[in-house]
């Protein structure tokens, strides 16, 4: 789980060098996130999307731009708010 989460955020970071989360960055995040969640644990695409919505919403509040996220990339896999997203989705 930690590795998957970290890989997702690295993919998003590499996809663009812009300072803000723009639509292209969001699309890249959602593509990587939903594909990984669907492959690794989510039983349906809709559950994967809800999970990715939760991740992005929480991440965007803490890291409103990619530069800030990159500075804290080592903390993402251990971020309890982000980890809670999977538990919240699976308990619905």
Protein backbone atom coordinates (compact mmCIF):
# COMPACT_ATOMS: atom_id res chain seq x y z
CA UNK A 1 0.00 0.00 0.00
CA UNK A 2 2.71 2.49 0.98
CA UNK A 3 4.69 1.74 -2.17
CA UNK A 4 1.62 2.07 -4.38
CA UNK A 5 0.68 5.38 -2.81
CA UNK A 6 4.19 6.73 -3.16
CA UNK A 7 4.40 5.61 -6.80
CA UNK A 8 1.13 7.36 -7.59
CA UNK A 9 2.34 10.66 -6.23
CA UNK A 10 5.68 10.35 -7.97
CA UNK A 11 3.87 9.75 -11.26
CA UNK A 12 1.79 12.86 -10.77
CA UNK A 13 4.86 14.89 -9.86
CA UNK A 14 6.74 13.77 -12.94
CA UNK A 15 3.80 14.40 -15.25
CA UNK A 16 4.08 18.15 -14.89
CA UNK A 17 6.37 20.83 -13.53
CA UNK A 18 3.66 23.45 -13.03
CA UNK A 19 3.20 25.11 -9.67
CA UNK A 20 -0.54 24.49 -9.28
CA UNK A 21 -2.78 21.48 -9.70
CA UNK A 22 -4.25 22.06 -13.15
CA UNK A 23 -6.63 19.84 -15.11
CA UNK A 24 -3.81 17.93 -16.82
CA UNK A 25 -2.18 17.20 -13.46
CA UNK A 26 -5.50 16.07 -11.99
CA UNK A 27 -6.19 13.80 -14.98
CA UNK A 28 -2.75 12.22 -14.65
CA UNK A 29 -3.34 11.65 -10.95
CA UNK A 30 -6.78 10.11 -11.46
CA UNK A 31 -5.59 7.86 -14.29
CA UNK A 32 -2.69 6.50 -12.27
CA UNK A 33 -4.69 6.28 -9.05
CA UNK A 34 -7.75 4.50 -10.46
CA UNK A 35 -5.68 2.08 -12.53
CA UNK A 36 -3.54 1.17 -9.54
CA UNK A 37 -6.45 0.88 -7.10
CA UNK A 38 -8.47 -1.23 -9.55
CA UNK A 39 -5.53 -3.51 -10.18
CA UNK A 40 -4.40 -3.84 -6.56
CA UNK A 41 -7.51 -3.91 -4.38
CA UNK A 42 -10.64 -2.02 -5.47
CA UNK A 43 -13.38 -4.41 -6.59
CA UNK A 44 -14.98 -1.88 -8.97
CA UNK A 45 -13.96 1.20 -10.94
CA UNK A 46 -16.49 3.32 -9.04
CA UNK A 47 -14.91 2.37 -5.71
CA UNK A 48 -11.48 3.19 -7.12
CA UNK A 49 -12.77 6.62 -8.21
CA UNK A 50 -14.26 7.39 -4.79
CA UNK A 51 -10.94 6.41 -3.21
CA UNK A 52 -8.98 8.62 -5.63
CA UNK A 53 -11.38 11.53 -5.01
CA UNK A 54 -10.68 11.21 -1.30
CA UNK A 55 -6.91 11.05 -1.84
CA UNK A 56 -6.82 14.03 -4.15
CA UNK A 57 -9.09 16.19 -1.98
CA UNK A 58 -6.99 15.60 1.12
CA UNK A 59 -3.68 15.89 -0.70
CA UNK A 60 -4.65 19.12 -2.48
CA UNK A 61 -5.51 20.76 0.85
CA UNK A 62 -2.15 19.86 2.36
CA UNK A 63 -0.15 20.36 -0.82
CA UNK A 64 -1.87 23.01 -2.97
CA UNK A 65 0.88 22.86 -5.57
CA UNK A 66 3.21 20.20 -6.88
CA UNK A 67 6.33 21.89 -5.62
CA UNK A 68 5.07 21.67 -2.04
CA UNK A 69 4.05 18.05 -2.57
CA UNK A 70 7.50 17.18 -3.92
CA UNK A 71 9.12 18.74 -0.87
CA UNK A 72 7.05 16.41 1.31
CA UNK A 73 6.99 13.30 -0.90
CA UNK A 74 8.63 11.18 1.77
CA UNK A 75 5.71 11.91 4.12
CA UNK A 76 2.90 10.97 1.71
CA UNK A 77 3.03 7.21 2.19
CA UNK A 78 2.87 7.68 5.97
CA UNK A 79 0.21 10.40 5.98
CA UNK A 80 -2.61 9.03 8.13
CA UNK A 81 -5.23 11.27 6.47
CA UNK A 82 -4.37 9.78 3.09
CA UNK A 83 -4.24 6.23 4.45
CA UNK A 84 -7.72 6.71 5.94
CA UNK A 85 -9.19 7.15 2.45
CA UNK A 86 -8.93 3.45 1.69
CA UNK A 87 -10.46 2.49 5.03
CA UNK A 88 -13.31 4.98 4.57
CA UNK A 89 -14.10 3.69 1.09
CA UNK A 90 -13.97 0.03 2.08
CA UNK A 91 -16.22 0.58 5.10
CA UNK A 92 -19.07 2.19 3.11
